[in-house]
Amino acid sequence: MNQQKREWLKTYRKDRELTGRAAAKEIGISHNYLFEIENGLRNPSGKLALKIAKFYGFDMSRFFSDELKTAQ
């Protein structure tokens, strides 16, 4: 897996003035898992990508379009 930080995801969180811990709690995952997703260390499952996207208000395809860009 290509490592690519998801600065855009961090921006969604920070725009809502949420800490990583607070956002993770609202989403229902551990703080460490959210940290790894934001920093490109892990990719969320489709179900989790949808949950995060709904929480922040963006289209879940954003996660997977990043992966396609790095694969090319």
Protein backbone atom coordinates (compact mmCIF):
# COMPACT_ATOMS: atom_id res chain seq x y z
CA MET A 1 0.00 0.00 0.00
CA ASN A 2 1.27 3.44 -0.85
CA GLN A 3 1.40 5.66 2.17
CA GLN A 4 -0.41 8.93 1.57
CA LYS A 5 -1.42 11.28 4.32
CA ARG A 6 -5.02 12.35 4.15
CA GLU A 7 -4.60 16.01 5.06
CA TRP A 8 -8.08 16.64 3.70
CA LEU A 9 -9.50 14.27 6.33
CA LYS A 10 -7.63 16.06 9.10
CA THR A 11 -9.01 19.34 7.77
CA TYR A 12 -12.59 18.07 8.05
CA ARG A 13 -11.91 17.15 11.68
CA LYS A 14 -10.14 20.39 12.56
CA ASP A 15 -12.80 22.51 10.84
CA ARG A 16 -15.27 21.01 13.32
CA GLU A 17 -12.84 21.82 16.13
CA LEU A 18 -12.60 18.16 17.12
CA THR A 19 -9.61 16.41 18.59
CA GLY A 20 -8.69 13.05 17.17
CA ARG A 21 -10.00 11.40 20.31
CA ALA A 22 -13.35 13.20 20.16
CA ALA A 23 -13.84 12.44 16.46
CA ALA A 24 -12.89 8.79 16.93
CA LYS A 25 -15.36 8.47 19.80
CA GLU A 26 -18.18 9.98 17.70
CA ILE A 27 -17.34 7.70 14.76
CA GLY A 28 -17.05 4.65 17.02
CA ILE A 29 -13.42 3.68 16.47
CA SER A 30 -10.23 3.98 18.49
CA HIS A 31 -8.15 7.13 18.40
CA ASN A 32 -5.20 5.08 17.12
CA TYR A 33 -7.24 3.70 14.23
CA LEU A 34 -8.38 7.19 13.20
CA PHE A 35 -4.77 8.41 13.46
CA GLU A 36 -3.64 5.59 11.16
CA ILE A 37 -6.39 6.37 8.63
CA GLU A 38 -5.61 10.10 8.64
CA ASN A 39 -1.91 9.39 8.18
CA GLY A 40 -2.32 6.87 5.38
CA LEU A 41 -1.09 3.94 7.44
CA ARG A 42 -4.40 2.07 7.08
CA ASN A 43 -7.36 2.17 4.76
CA PRO A 44 -10.86 2.00 6.14
CA SER A 45 -13.22 -0.75 5.05
CA GLY A 46 -16.06 0.34 2.79
CA LYS A 47 -18.45 0.30 5.74
CA LEU A 48 -16.15 2.45 7.88
CA ALA A 49 -15.39 4.81 4.97
CA LEU A 50 -19.15 5.36 4.61
CA LYS A 51 -19.53 5.98 8.35
CA ILE A 52 -16.69 8.53 8.39
CA ALA A 53 -17.98 10.21 5.23
CA LYS A 54 -21.48 10.56 6.70
CA PHE A 55 -20.07 11.95 9.94
CA TYR A 56 -18.07 14.66 8.15
CA GLY A 57 -20.45 15.16 5.22
CA PHE A 58 -18.46 14.12 2.17
CA ASP A 59 -18.74 11.36 -0.44
CA MET A 60 -17.02 8.15 0.65
CA SER A 61 -15.45 7.75 -2.81
CA ARG A 62 -12.96 10.39 -1.66
CA PHE A 63 -11.06 7.67 0.21
CA PHE A 64 -10.80 5.46 -2.84
CA SER A 65 -10.03 8.20 -5.36
CA ASP A 66 -6.88 8.91 -3.32
CA GLU A 67 -5.87 5.28 -3.63
CA LEU A 68 -6.38 5.34 -7.39
CA LYS A 69 -4.20 8.45 -7.74
CA THR A 70 -1.28 6.85 -5.89
CA ALA A 71 -1.56 3.60 -7.85
CA GLN A 72 -1.07 5.36 -11.18
